C-alpha atoms as a PDB file:
ATOM      1  CA  MET A   1      62.655  54.140  91.177  1.00  0.00           C
ATOM      2  CA  PHE A   2      60.784  55.356  88.100  1.00  0.00           C
ATOM      3  CA  LYS A   3      57.844  53.700  86.374  1.00  0.00           C
ATOM      4  CA  VAL A   4      56.670  54.261  82.821  1.00  0.00           C
ATOM      5  CA  TYR A   5      53.037  53.399  82.127  1.00  0.00           C
ATOM      6  CA  TYR A   6      51.452  53.138  78.678  1.00  0.00           C
ATOM      7  CA  THR A   7      48.705  51.293  76.826  1.00  0.00           C
ATOM      8  CA  VAL A   8      48.790  49.138  73.708  1.00  0.00           C
ATOM      9  CA  ASP A   9      45.395  48.242  72.227  1.00  0.00           C
ATOM     10  CA  ASP A  10      43.737  49.309  75.508  1.00  0.00           C
ATOM     11  CA  THR A  11      45.955  46.926  77.493  1.00  0.00           C
ATOM     12  CA  PRO A  12      47.994  48.643  80.236  1.00  0.00           C
ATOM     13  CA  HIS A  13      51.734  48.033  80.529  1.00  0.00           C
ATOM     14  CA  ALA A  14      54.416  49.205  82.957  1.00  0.00           C
ATOM     15  CA  GLU A  15      58.199  49.264  83.030  1.00  0.00           C
ATOM     16  CA  VAL A  16      60.459  49.952  86.030  1.00  0.00           C
ATOM     17  CA  PHE A  17      63.745  51.887  85.823  1.00  0.00           C
ATOM     18  CA  GLU A  18      66.339  52.906  88.378  1.00  0.00           C
ATOM     19  CA  ASP A  19      67.777  55.755  86.277  1.00  0.00           C
ATOM     20  CA  MET A  20      65.670  58.801  85.410  1.00  0.00           C
ATOM     21  CA  SER A  21      67.348  59.445  82.056  1.00  0.00           C
ATOM     22  CA  VAL A  22      66.634  55.879  80.942  1.00  0.00           C
ATOM     23  CA  ALA A  23      63.009  56.216  82.079  1.00  0.00           C
ATOM     24  CA  LEU A  24      62.656  59.488  80.155  1.00  0.00           C
ATOM     25  CA  SER A  25      64.101  57.832  77.040  1.00  0.00           C
ATOM     26  CA  ALA A  26      61.635  54.964  77.385  1.00  0.00           C
ATOM     27  CA  THR A  27      58.764  57.454  77.748  1.00  0.00           C
ATOM     28  CA  GLN A  28      59.854  59.242  74.581  1.00  0.00           C
ATOM     29  CA  PHE A  29      60.238  55.907  72.768  1.00  0.00           C
ATOM     30  CA  HIS A  30      56.694  54.775  73.633  1.00  0.00           C
ATOM     31  CA  ARG A  31      55.274  58.138  72.580  1.00  0.00           C
ATOM     32  CA  SER A  32      57.150  57.945  69.268  1.00  0.00           C
ATOM     33  CA  LEU A  33      55.463  54.580  68.616  1.00  0.00           C
ATOM     34  CA  GLY A  34      52.067  56.259  69.034  1.00  0.00           C
ATOM     35  CA  ARG A  35      51.199  54.496  72.254  1.00  0.00           C
ATOM     36  CA  THR A  36      48.527  56.134  74.378  1.00  0.00           C
ATOM     37  CA  PHE A  37      48.374  57.236  77.998  1.00  0.00           C
ATOM     38  CA  VAL A  38      52.167  57.345  78.263  1.00  0.00           C
ATOM     39  CA  THR A  39      53.310  58.722  81.599  1.00  0.00           C
ATOM     40  CA  MET A  40      56.215  58.475  84.001  1.00  0.00           C
ATOM     41  CA  VAL A  41      55.995  58.533  87.793  1.00  0.00           C
ATOM     42  CA  SER A  42      58.532  58.399  90.591  1.00  0.00           C
ATOM     43  CA  GLU A  43      58.569  57.973  94.325  1.00  0.00           C
ATOM     44  CA  ASN A  44      60.936  59.750  96.654  1.00  0.00           C
ATOM     45  CA  PRO A  45      62.122  57.069  99.091  1.00  0.00           C
ATOM     46  CA  ASN A  46      63.369  59.777 101.480  1.00  0.00           C
ATOM     47  CA  SER A  47      59.923  61.345 101.903  1.00  0.00           C
ATOM     48  CA  ILE A  48      58.313  60.392 105.207  1.00  0.00           C
ATOM     49  CA  GLY A  49      55.370  62.765 105.429  1.00  0.00           C
ATOM     50  CA  LYS A  50      53.032  64.965 103.494  1.00  0.00           C
ATOM     51  CA  PRO A  51      54.767  67.539 101.289  1.00  0.00           C
ATOM     52  CA  GLY A  52      54.765  71.064 102.664  1.00  0.00           C
ATOM     53  CA  VAL A  53      54.245  72.305 106.180  1.00  0.00           C
ATOM     54  CA  ASP A  54      51.420  70.592 108.018  1.00  0.00           C
ATOM     55  CA  ALA A  55      51.695  72.447 111.336  1.00  0.00           C
ATOM     56  CA  VAL A  56      52.910  75.858 112.483  1.00  0.00           C
ATOM     57  CA  VAL A  57      52.957  76.584 116.210  1.00  0.00           C
ATOM     58  CA  ASN A  58      54.118  79.977 117.451  1.00  0.00           C
ATOM     59  CA  GLY A  59      55.693  80.732 114.053  1.00  0.00           C
ATOM     60  CA  LYS A  60      57.752  77.517 113.934  1.00  0.00           C
ATOM     61  CA  THR A  61      57.457  74.322 111.891  1.00  0.00           C
ATOM     62  CA  PRO A  62      57.551  70.942 113.695  1.00  0.00           C
ATOM     63  CA  ASP A  63      61.336  70.753 113.178  1.00  0.00           C
ATOM     64  CA  GLY A  64      61.880  74.198 114.789  1.00  0.00           C
ATOM     65  CA  VAL A  65      62.465  76.237 111.622  1.00  0.00           C
ATOM     66  CA  ASP A  66      60.947  79.732 111.497  1.00  0.00           C
ATOM     67  CA  TYR A  67      57.909  79.809 109.201  1.00  0.00           C
ATOM     68  CA  THR A  68      57.738  83.243 107.573  1.00  0.00           C
ATOM     69  CA  TRP A  69      55.786  82.621 104.371  1.00  0.00           C
ATOM     70  CA  MET A  70      52.876  84.996 103.882  1.00  0.00           C
ATOM     71  CA  LYS A  71      50.422  85.222 101.015  1.00  0.00           C
ATOM     72  CA  ARG A  72      50.825  88.581  99.309  1.00  0.00           C
ATOM     73  CA  ARG A  73      47.673  89.974  97.799  1.00  0.00           C
ATOM     74  CA  THR A  74      47.773  92.274  94.826  1.00  0.00           C
ATOM     75  CA  GLN A  75      44.839  94.349  93.751  1.00  0.00           C
END
């Protein structure tokens, strides 16, 4: 699901779309009309937790995958 938010005369409006390309077209349309605060948001229905890794124990993520990412510092 995708939502397009925009304002007309300081009044907020929202539209809901199932298809991303249609939502992007609607966003472009509202911007072309000079509407303000035009934005599009989406929600991933398959996401069940915080994005990223929230725990590493003994070099493994909660689902057992090796976690090898290291921050490289350059000087």
